[in-house]
Amino acid sequence: MKKFAAHYVFPITSAPIKKGIVKTDHTGTIIHLIDPKDNFQEESGLEFHNGIICPDFVAPKAHFNLNEFINQFQFLSNLASFSIDELEDSKKTLNLLKNIQQKEPNLELEKLIRVFSLEMAKANGLEKKAGSLEINKRPGLIVISGIDFKNMRLTVNSFLKKLI
């Protein structure tokens, strides 16, 4: 079993968890999400990360229609353009998210992450396995660091690390 914690955990299908803990089995399947409330305690084997733990971004599959996806979200329609190449891996996707948040300063970070995790999973028929942090799902975990926690925004220095 692996245990990960961070300043925040964004499950995507529920409210962010401050100092949340995600426990996975050896395959990366989520077996437990813990909201410690105000009682966070270190425990053996727990990896604490500076940032936000969230599901990995979902890369588009062969049948994916980028224009159809963009039209579902007004803030994406307002962008000059972006290509499907920017969604091929998590680091490229994070760079796109940073650009979006600069152009849409009122867009909530949680919503932005949701679009490129859960909504992208739905668009690719993967929502039962990926896109959110839920028990029995194996979405892959990333931690996004370099966050402006006061305003809950990405910064030019934000970066990600794959945990699973």
N, C-alpha and C. Protein backbone atom coordinates (compact mmCIF):
# COMPACT_ATOMS: atom_id res chain seq x y z
N MET A 1 0.84 -1.18 0.00
CA MET A 1 0.00 0.00 0.00
C MET A 1 0.90 1.25 0.00
N LYS A 2 0.45 2.27 -0.76
CA LYS A 2 1.13 3.55 -0.78
C LYS A 2 0.18 4.61 -0.22
N LYS A 3 0.78 5.60 0.46
CA LYS A 3 0.00 6.66 1.07
C LYS A 3 0.61 8.00 0.66
N PHE A 4 -0.25 8.87 0.11
CA PHE A 4 0.19 10.18 -0.37
C PHE A 4 -0.66 11.26 0.29
N ALA A 5 -0.03 12.36 0.64
CA ALA A 5 -0.75 13.50 1.20
C ALA A 5 -0.17 14.78 0.59
N ALA A 6 -0.95 15.85 0.65
CA ALA A 6 -0.50 17.14 0.14
C ALA A 6 -1.29 18.24 0.84
N HIS A 7 -0.92 19.49 0.55
CA HIS A 7 -1.67 20.62 1.12
C HIS A 7 -3.15 20.48 0.79
N TYR A 8 -3.43 20.04 -0.45
CA TYR A 8 -4.81 19.78 -0.86
C TYR A 8 -4.85 18.53 -1.73
N VAL A 9 -5.97 17.82 -1.63
CA VAL A 9 -6.30 16.73 -2.55
C VAL A 9 -7.56 17.17 -3.26
N PHE A 10 -7.53 17.13 -4.60
CA PHE A 10 -8.71 17.46 -5.41
C PHE A 10 -9.31 16.15 -5.93
N PRO A 11 -10.32 15.60 -5.26
CA PRO A 11 -10.93 14.37 -5.75
C PRO A 11 -11.69 14.57 -7.07
N ILE A 12 -12.11 15.77 -7.36
CA ILE A 12 -12.84 16.22 -8.54
C ILE A 12 -14.35 16.00 -8.40
N THR A 13 -14.80 14.87 -7.87
CA THR A 13 -16.23 14.62 -7.73
C THR A 13 -16.76 15.05 -6.37
N SER A 14 -15.88 15.60 -5.54
CA SER A 14 -16.29 16.13 -4.24
C SER A 14 -15.36 17.31 -3.92
N ALA A 15 -15.64 17.98 -2.84
CA ALA A 15 -14.89 19.18 -2.46
C ALA A 15 -13.42 18.86 -2.20
N PRO A 16 -12.54 19.84 -2.44
CA PRO A 16 -11.13 19.63 -2.12
C PRO A 16 -10.94 19.29 -0.64
N ILE A 17 -9.93 18.49 -0.38
CA ILE A 17 -9.63 18.06 0.99
C ILE A 17 -8.32 18.70 1.43
N LYS A 18 -8.40 19.54 2.44
CA LYS A 18 -7.19 20.18 2.96
C LYS A 18 -6.38 19.13 3.73
N LYS A 19 -5.09 19.04 3.38
CA LYS A 19 -4.17 18.04 3.95
C LYS A 19 -4.76 16.63 3.84
N GLY A 20 -5.34 16.36 2.68
CA GLY A 20 -5.96 15.07 2.43
C GLY A 20 -4.93 13.97 2.21
N ILE A 21 -5.40 12.74 2.35
CA ILE A 21 -4.55 11.56 2.18
C ILE A 21 -5.22 10.62 1.19
N VAL A 22 -4.43 10.11 0.25
CA VAL A 22 -4.90 9.12 -0.72
C VAL A 22 -4.10 7.84 -0.49
N LYS A 23 -4.81 6.75 -0.30
CA LYS A 23 -4.15 5.45 -0.14
C LYS A 23 -4.47 4.60 -1.37
N THR A 24 -3.42 3.96 -1.90
CA THR A 24 -3.59 3.10 -3.07
C THR A 24 -3.01 1.72 -2.79
N ASP A 25 -3.48 0.74 -3.56
CA ASP A 25 -2.86 -0.58 -3.45
C ASP A 25 -1.66 -0.64 -4.38
N HIS A 26 -1.06 -1.79 -4.52
CA HIS A 26 0.17 -1.93 -5.32
C HIS A 26 -0.05 -1.69 -6.81
N THR A 27 -1.30 -1.72 -7.28
CA THR A 27 -1.59 -1.46 -8.69
C THR A 27 -1.89 0.01 -8.97
N GLY A 28 -1.99 0.83 -7.91
CA GLY A 28 -2.35 2.23 -8.08
C GLY A 28 -3.84 2.48 -7.96
N THR A 29 -4.60 1.45 -7.63
CA THR A 29 -6.04 1.60 -7.42
C THR A 29 -6.28 2.26 -6.07
N ILE A 30 -7.15 3.26 -6.07
CA ILE A 30 -7.44 3.98 -4.83
C ILE A 30 -8.27 3.09 -3.91
N ILE A 31 -7.78 2.95 -2.68
CA ILE A 31 -8.52 2.14 -1.71
C ILE A 31 -9.10 2.99 -0.57
N HIS A 32 -8.60 4.24 -0.44
CA HIS A 32 -9.12 5.07 0.64
C HIS A 32 -8.76 6.54 0.39
N LEU A 33 -9.73 7.42 0.62
CA LEU A 33 -9.51 8.88 0.63
C LEU A 33 -9.81 9.35 2.05
N ILE A 34 -8.90 10.10 2.62
CA ILE A 34 -9.07 10.50 4.02
C ILE A 34 -9.08 12.02 4.12
N ASP A 35 -10.11 12.53 4.79
CA ASP A 35 -10.18 13.94 5.14
C ASP A 35 -9.89 14.03 6.63
N PRO A 36 -8.67 14.44 7.00
CA PRO A 36 -8.32 14.47 8.43
C PRO A 36 -8.92 15.63 9.20
N LYS A 37 -9.71 16.45 8.52
CA LYS A 37 -10.27 17.67 9.13
C LYS A 37 -9.10 18.50 9.66
N ASP A 38 -9.11 18.84 10.91
CA ASP A 38 -8.01 19.63 11.47
C ASP A 38 -7.06 18.76 12.28
N ASN A 39 -7.10 17.45 12.03
CA ASN A 39 -6.33 16.53 12.85
C ASN A 39 -5.32 15.74 12.01
N PHE A 40 -4.62 16.43 11.08
CA PHE A 40 -3.64 15.75 10.24
C PHE A 40 -2.47 15.27 11.10
N GLN A 41 -2.11 14.00 10.92
CA GLN A 41 -0.98 13.44 11.65
C GLN A 41 -0.10 12.66 10.70
N GLU A 42 1.20 12.82 10.89
CA GLU A 42 2.16 12.02 10.13
C GLU A 42 1.97 10.56 10.53
N GLU A 43 2.22 9.68 9.56
CA GLU A 43 2.17 8.26 9.87
C GLU A 43 3.21 7.54 9.03
N SER A 44 3.57 6.38 9.45
CA SER A 44 4.60 5.61 8.79
C SER A 44 4.26 5.37 7.32
N GLY A 45 5.22 5.64 6.45
CA GLY A 45 5.04 5.38 5.02
C GLY A 45 4.28 6.45 4.26
N LEU A 46 3.88 7.52 4.92
CA LEU A 46 3.11 8.59 4.28
C LEU A 46 4.06 9.55 3.57
N GLU A 47 3.83 9.77 2.29
CA GLU A 47 4.60 10.75 1.51
C GLU A 47 3.82 12.05 1.47
N PHE A 48 4.37 13.12 2.05
CA PHE A 48 3.70 14.42 2.00
C PHE A 48 4.32 15.25 0.89
N HIS A 49 3.47 15.83 0.04
CA HIS A 49 3.94 16.63 -1.10
C HIS A 49 3.46 18.06 -0.98
N ASN A 50 4.29 18.97 -1.41
CA ASN A 50 3.96 20.39 -1.43
C ASN A 50 3.14 20.66 -2.69
N GLY A 51 1.86 20.89 -2.53
CA GLY A 51 1.03 21.18 -3.70
C GLY A 51 -0.35 20.56 -3.60
N ILE A 52 -0.87 20.20 -4.78
CA ILE A 52 -2.21 19.63 -4.90
C ILE A 52 -2.09 18.26 -5.55
N ILE A 53 -2.64 17.25 -4.90
CA ILE A 53 -2.73 15.93 -5.53
C ILE A 53 -4.07 15.87 -6.25
N CYS A 54 -4.03 15.42 -7.48
CA CYS A 54 -5.25 15.28 -8.27
C CYS A 54 -5.09 14.11 -9.23
N PRO A 55 -6.18 13.71 -9.89
CA PRO A 55 -6.03 12.65 -10.89
C PRO A 55 -5.19 13.14 -12.05
N ASP A 56 -4.48 12.23 -12.67
CA ASP A 56 -3.70 12.59 -13.84
C ASP A 56 -4.63 13.09 -14.94
N PHE A 57 -4.12 13.98 -15.76
CA PHE A 57 -4.89 14.46 -16.90
C PHE A 57 -5.06 13.32 -17.90
N VAL A 58 -6.18 13.28 -18.57
CA VAL A 58 -6.48 12.21 -19.51
C VAL A 58 -6.11 12.66 -20.92
N ALA A 59 -5.30 11.87 -21.57
CA ALA A 59 -4.91 12.16 -22.96
C ALA A 59 -6.02 11.70 -23.90
N PRO A 60 -6.26 12.45 -24.97
CA PRO A 60 -7.33 12.07 -25.91
C PRO A 60 -7.00 10.79 -26.67
N LYS A 61 -8.03 10.03 -26.96
CA LYS A 61 -7.89 8.79 -27.73
C LYS A 61 -8.16 9.09 -29.21
N ALA A 62 -8.01 8.08 -30.04
CA ALA A 62 -8.09 8.24 -31.50
C ALA A 62 -9.42 8.86 -31.96
N HIS A 63 -10.52 8.50 -31.35
CA HIS A 63 -11.84 8.99 -31.79
C HIS A 63 -12.22 10.36 -31.24
N PHE A 64 -11.34 10.97 -30.47
CA PHE A 64 -11.62 12.23 -29.78
C PHE A 64 -11.83 13.38 -30.76
N ASN A 65 -12.88 14.17 -30.53
CA ASN A 65 -13.19 15.33 -31.36
C ASN A 65 -12.90 16.59 -30.56
N LEU A 66 -11.77 17.23 -30.84
CA LEU A 66 -11.34 18.40 -30.08
C LEU A 66 -12.33 19.55 -30.18
N ASN A 67 -12.84 19.83 -31.36
CA ASN A 67 -13.79 20.95 -31.53
C ASN A 67 -15.05 20.73 -30.71
N GLU A 68 -15.56 19.51 -30.70
CA GLU A 68 -16.75 19.19 -29.92
C GLU A 68 -16.48 19.40 -28.42
N PHE A 69 -15.31 18.98 -27.99
CA PHE A 69 -14.92 19.14 -26.59
C PHE A 69 -14.81 20.62 -26.22
N ILE A 70 -14.14 21.41 -27.04
CA ILE A 70 -13.97 22.84 -26.80
C ILE A 70 -15.31 23.55 -26.69
N ASN A 71 -16.25 23.18 -27.55
CA ASN A 71 -17.56 23.84 -27.56
C ASN A 71 -18.38 23.59 -26.30
N GLN A 72 -18.00 22.60 -25.50
CA GLN A 72 -18.72 22.33 -24.25
C GLN A 72 -18.36 23.32 -23.14
N PHE A 73 -17.23 24.01 -23.30
CA PHE A 73 -16.73 24.86 -22.22
C PHE A 73 -16.42 26.24 -22.77
N GLN A 74 -17.15 27.23 -22.31
CA GLN A 74 -17.03 28.60 -22.81
C GLN A 74 -15.60 29.12 -22.72
N PHE A 75 -14.93 28.86 -21.61
CA PHE A 75 -13.57 29.40 -21.45
C PHE A 75 -12.61 28.81 -22.47
N LEU A 76 -12.86 27.61 -22.96
CA LEU A 76 -12.01 27.03 -24.01
C LEU A 76 -12.32 27.67 -25.35
N SER A 77 -13.58 27.98 -25.57
CA SER A 77 -13.99 28.62 -26.82
C SER A 77 -13.37 30.01 -26.95
N ASN A 78 -13.08 30.64 -25.81
CA ASN A 78 -12.52 31.99 -25.82
C ASN A 78 -11.02 32.01 -26.15
N LEU A 79 -10.38 30.87 -26.13
CA LEU A 79 -8.95 30.82 -26.45
C LEU A 79 -8.74 30.99 -27.94
N ALA A 80 -7.63 31.59 -28.29
CA ALA A 80 -7.32 31.76 -29.71
C ALA A 80 -7.31 30.40 -30.40
N SER A 81 -6.53 29.49 -29.88
CA SER A 81 -6.52 28.12 -30.39
C SER A 81 -5.55 27.30 -29.57
N PHE A 82 -5.77 26.02 -29.58
CA PHE A 82 -4.79 25.09 -29.06
C PHE A 82 -4.99 23.79 -29.81
N SER A 83 -3.98 22.96 -29.77
CA SER A 83 -4.04 21.74 -30.57
C SER A 83 -4.12 20.51 -29.70
N ILE A 84 -4.51 19.44 -30.31
CA ILE A 84 -4.60 18.16 -29.61
C ILE A 84 -3.23 17.71 -29.11
N ASP A 85 -2.17 18.19 -29.75
CA ASP A 85 -0.80 17.87 -29.31
C ASP A 85 -0.54 18.36 -27.89
N GLU A 86 -1.20 19.44 -27.49
CA GLU A 86 -1.01 20.00 -26.15
C GLU A 86 -1.66 19.15 -25.07
N LEU A 87 -2.39 18.12 -25.48
CA LEU A 87 -3.08 17.25 -24.53
C LEU A 87 -2.47 15.86 -24.47
N GLU A 88 -1.37 15.65 -25.20
CA GLU A 88 -0.78 14.31 -25.30
C GLU A 88 -0.09 13.83 -24.05
N ASP A 89 0.43 14.74 -23.24
CA ASP A 89 1.03 14.30 -21.98
C ASP A 89 0.73 15.33 -20.90
N SER A 90 0.88 14.90 -19.67
CA SER A 90 0.48 15.72 -18.52
C SER A 90 1.22 17.05 -18.43
N LYS A 91 2.49 17.06 -18.73
CA LYS A 91 3.27 18.30 -18.62
C LYS A 91 2.82 19.32 -19.66
N LYS A 92 2.53 18.87 -20.88
CA LYS A 92 2.01 19.79 -21.90
C LYS A 92 0.64 20.31 -21.49
N THR A 93 -0.18 19.42 -20.92
CA THR A 93 -1.52 19.83 -20.49
C THR A 93 -1.42 20.87 -19.38
N LEU A 94 -0.50 20.69 -18.44
CA LEU A 94 -0.33 21.68 -17.38
C LEU A 94 0.06 23.03 -17.97
N ASN A 95 0.93 23.05 -18.96
CA ASN A 95 1.30 24.33 -19.59
C ASN A 95 0.08 24.98 -20.22
N LEU A 96 -0.78 24.18 -20.84
CA LEU A 96 -2.02 24.72 -21.40
C LEU A 96 -2.90 25.30 -20.30
N LEU A 97 -3.01 24.59 -19.18
CA LEU A 97 -3.81 25.08 -18.06
C LEU A 97 -3.28 26.40 -17.52
N LYS A 98 -1.97 26.53 -17.45
CA LYS A 98 -1.37 27.79 -16.98
C LYS A 98 -1.74 28.92 -17.93
N ASN A 99 -1.69 28.66 -19.24
CA ASN A 99 -2.07 29.69 -20.22
C ASN A 99 -3.54 30.05 -20.11
N ILE A 100 -4.37 29.06 -19.93
CA ILE A 100 -5.81 29.31 -19.79
C ILE A 100 -6.06 30.17 -18.56
N GLN A 101 -5.43 29.83 -17.45
CA GLN A 101 -5.70 30.58 -16.22
C GLN A 101 -5.19 32.02 -16.30
N GLN A 102 -4.13 32.26 -17.07
CA GLN A 102 -3.67 33.64 -17.27
C GLN A 102 -4.71 34.44 -18.05
N LYS A 103 -5.35 33.80 -19.03
CA LYS A 103 -6.34 34.49 -19.86
C LYS A 103 -7.71 34.56 -19.21
N GLU A 104 -7.98 33.64 -18.30
CA GLU A 104 -9.27 33.57 -17.60
C GLU A 104 -9.00 33.64 -16.09
N PRO A 105 -8.66 34.81 -15.56
CA PRO A 105 -8.23 34.91 -14.16
C PRO A 105 -9.29 34.53 -13.13
N ASN A 106 -10.56 34.54 -13.49
CA ASN A 106 -11.61 34.20 -12.54
C ASN A 106 -11.99 32.72 -12.57
N LEU A 107 -11.38 31.97 -13.45
CA LEU A 107 -11.68 30.55 -13.57
C LEU A 107 -11.08 29.79 -12.39
N GLU A 108 -11.91 29.04 -11.69
CA GLU A 108 -11.44 28.29 -10.52
C GLU A 108 -10.51 27.17 -10.94
N LEU A 109 -9.43 27.00 -10.19
CA LEU A 109 -8.45 25.96 -10.49
C LEU A 109 -9.08 24.57 -10.47
N GLU A 110 -9.93 24.33 -9.51
CA GLU A 110 -10.58 23.01 -9.42
C GLU A 110 -11.39 22.71 -10.69
N LYS A 111 -12.11 23.70 -11.20
CA LYS A 111 -12.89 23.50 -12.43
C LYS A 111 -11.97 23.23 -13.61
N LEU A 112 -10.89 23.95 -13.69
CA LEU A 112 -9.94 23.78 -14.77
C LEU A 112 -9.35 22.37 -14.77
N ILE A 113 -8.96 21.90 -13.61
CA ILE A 113 -8.42 20.53 -13.50
C ILE A 113 -9.50 19.51 -13.84
N ARG A 114 -10.72 19.76 -13.40
CA ARG A 114 -11.84 18.84 -13.67
C ARG A 114 -12.04 18.65 -15.19
N VAL A 115 -11.96 19.74 -15.94
CA VAL A 115 -12.19 19.66 -17.38
C VAL A 115 -11.17 18.73 -18.05
N PHE A 116 -9.91 18.82 -17.62
CA PHE A 116 -8.88 18.03 -18.29
C PHE A 116 -8.61 16.69 -17.62
N SER A 117 -9.39 16.37 -16.59
CA SER A 117 -9.31 15.05 -15.98
C SER A 117 -10.66 14.34 -16.19
N LEU A 118 -11.66 14.65 -15.41
CA LEU A 118 -12.94 13.94 -15.48
C LEU A 118 -13.69 14.18 -16.80
N GLU A 119 -13.80 15.43 -17.23
CA GLU A 119 -14.54 15.69 -18.47
C GLU A 119 -13.83 15.09 -19.68
N MET A 120 -12.51 15.11 -19.67
CA MET A 120 -11.75 14.47 -20.75
C MET A 120 -11.93 12.96 -20.69
N ALA A 121 -11.97 12.39 -19.49
CA ALA A 121 -12.21 10.96 -19.34
C ALA A 121 -13.58 10.59 -19.91
N LYS A 122 -14.59 11.41 -19.60
CA LYS A 122 -15.94 11.17 -20.13
C LYS A 122 -15.95 11.23 -21.65
N ALA A 123 -15.26 12.21 -22.21
CA ALA A 123 -15.22 12.38 -23.67
C ALA A 123 -14.54 11.20 -24.36
N ASN A 124 -13.75 10.47 -23.61
CA ASN A 124 -13.03 9.32 -24.16
C ASN A 124 -13.56 7.98 -23.64
N GLY A 125 -14.70 8.02 -22.94
CA GLY A 125 -15.31 6.79 -22.44
C GLY A 125 -14.51 6.10 -21.34
N LEU A 126 -13.75 6.90 -20.56
CA LEU A 126 -12.88 6.33 -19.53
C LEU A 126 -13.28 6.71 -18.11
N GLU A 127 -14.44 7.31 -17.95
CA GLU A 127 -14.82 7.86 -16.65
C GLU A 127 -14.98 6.81 -15.55
N LYS A 128 -15.15 5.54 -15.90
CA LYS A 128 -15.27 4.50 -14.87
C LYS A 128 -13.92 4.10 -14.30
N LYS A 129 -12.85 4.44 -15.03
CA LYS A 129 -11.50 4.06 -14.58
C LYS A 129 -10.64 5.26 -14.20
N ALA A 130 -10.89 6.42 -14.81
CA ALA A 130 -9.98 7.55 -14.66
C ALA A 130 -10.77 8.85 -14.48
N GLY A 131 -10.03 9.95 -14.27
CA GLY A 131 -10.64 11.27 -14.25
C GLY A 131 -10.97 11.83 -12.88
N SER A 132 -11.05 10.98 -11.86
CA SER A 132 -11.36 11.47 -10.51
C SER A 132 -10.75 10.52 -9.48
N LEU A 133 -10.62 11.03 -8.27
CA LEU A 133 -10.08 10.23 -7.18
C LEU A 133 -11.24 9.61 -6.42
N GLU A 134 -11.53 8.37 -6.74
CA GLU A 134 -12.62 7.63 -6.10
C GLU A 134 -12.14 6.21 -5.82
N ILE A 135 -12.70 5.64 -4.78
CA ILE A 135 -12.33 4.28 -4.41
C ILE A 135 -12.62 3.34 -5.58
N ASN A 136 -11.67 2.46 -5.83
CA ASN A 136 -11.69 1.44 -6.90
C ASN A 136 -11.35 1.99 -8.28
N LYS A 137 -11.03 3.26 -8.38
CA LYS A 137 -10.54 3.81 -9.64
C LYS A 137 -9.02 3.80 -9.64
N ARG A 138 -8.45 3.78 -10.82
CA ARG A 138 -6.99 3.85 -10.97
C ARG A 138 -6.66 4.97 -11.95
N PRO A 139 -6.81 6.23 -11.51
CA PRO A 139 -6.68 7.36 -12.43
C PRO A 139 -5.25 7.84 -12.67
N GLY A 140 -4.30 7.30 -11.93
CA GLY A 140 -2.98 7.90 -11.92
C GLY A 140 -3.04 9.11 -11.02
N LEU A 141 -1.98 9.37 -10.30
CA LEU A 141 -1.95 10.52 -9.40
C LEU A 141 -0.82 11.45 -9.82
N ILE A 142 -1.12 12.73 -9.80
CA ILE A 142 -0.09 13.74 -10.02
C ILE A 142 -0.14 14.73 -8.86
N VAL A 143 0.97 15.38 -8.62
CA VAL A 143 0.99 16.49 -7.67
C VAL A 143 1.42 17.72 -8.46
N ILE A 144 0.65 18.78 -8.32
CA ILE A 144 0.98 20.05 -8.96
C ILE A 144 1.53 20.96 -7.87
N SER A 145 2.76 21.41 -8.05
CA SER A 145 3.43 22.27 -7.08
C SER A 145 3.62 23.66 -7.69
N GLY A 146 4.08 24.59 -6.87
CA GLY A 146 4.25 25.97 -7.34
C GLY A 146 2.91 26.66 -7.44
N ILE A 147 2.02 26.36 -6.52
CA ILE A 147 0.66 26.90 -6.50
C ILE A 147 0.62 28.17 -5.66
N ASP A 148 -0.17 29.15 -6.09
CA ASP A 148 -0.49 30.31 -5.27
C ASP A 148 -1.69 29.89 -4.42
N PHE A 149 -1.41 29.41 -3.19
CA PHE A 149 -2.49 28.89 -2.34
C PHE A 149 -3.43 29.98 -1.86
N LYS A 150 -2.94 31.19 -1.69
CA LYS A 150 -3.80 32.29 -1.22
C LYS A 150 -4.95 32.51 -2.21
N ASN A 151 -4.63 32.50 -3.51
CA ASN A 151 -5.65 32.72 -4.54
C ASN A 151 -6.06 31.43 -5.24
N MET A 152 -5.48 30.31 -4.82
CA MET A 152 -5.73 28.98 -5.39
C MET A 152 -5.64 29.03 -6.92
N ARG A 153 -4.42 29.40 -7.37
CA ARG A 153 -4.17 29.53 -8.80
C ARG A 153 -2.82 28.92 -9.16
N LEU A 154 -2.72 28.53 -10.42
CA LEU A 154 -1.43 28.13 -10.95
C LEU A 154 -0.57 29.38 -11.10
N THR A 155 0.74 29.19 -11.11
CA THR A 155 1.66 30.30 -11.35
C THR A 155 2.54 29.93 -12.54
N VAL A 156 3.34 30.85 -12.99
CA VAL A 156 4.27 30.54 -14.08
C VAL A 156 5.28 29.48 -13.64
N ASN A 157 5.47 29.35 -12.34
CA ASN A 157 6.41 28.35 -11.80
C ASN A 157 5.75 27.03 -11.44
N SER A 158 4.47 26.87 -11.70
CA SER A 158 3.80 25.60 -11.38
C SER A 158 4.39 24.48 -12.23
N PHE A 159 4.52 23.33 -11.59
CA PHE A 159 5.03 22.15 -12.29
C PHE A 159 4.37 20.92 -11.70
N LEU A 160 4.48 19.81 -12.40
CA LEU A 160 3.86 18.60 -11.88
C LEU A 160 4.85 17.45 -11.81
N LYS A 161 4.46 16.51 -10.97
CA LYS A 161 5.22 15.28 -10.81
C LYS A 161 4.22 14.14 -10.78
N LYS A 162 4.50 13.09 -11.52
CA LYS A 162 3.65 11.91 -11.48
C LYS A 162 3.99 11.10 -10.25
N LEU A 163 2.98 10.77 -9.48
CA LEU A 163 3.17 9.93 -8.29
C LEU A 163 2.93 8.47 -8.63
N ILE A 164 1.91 8.23 -9.43
CA ILE A 164 1.57 6.88 -9.92
C ILE A 164 1.13 7.00 -11.36
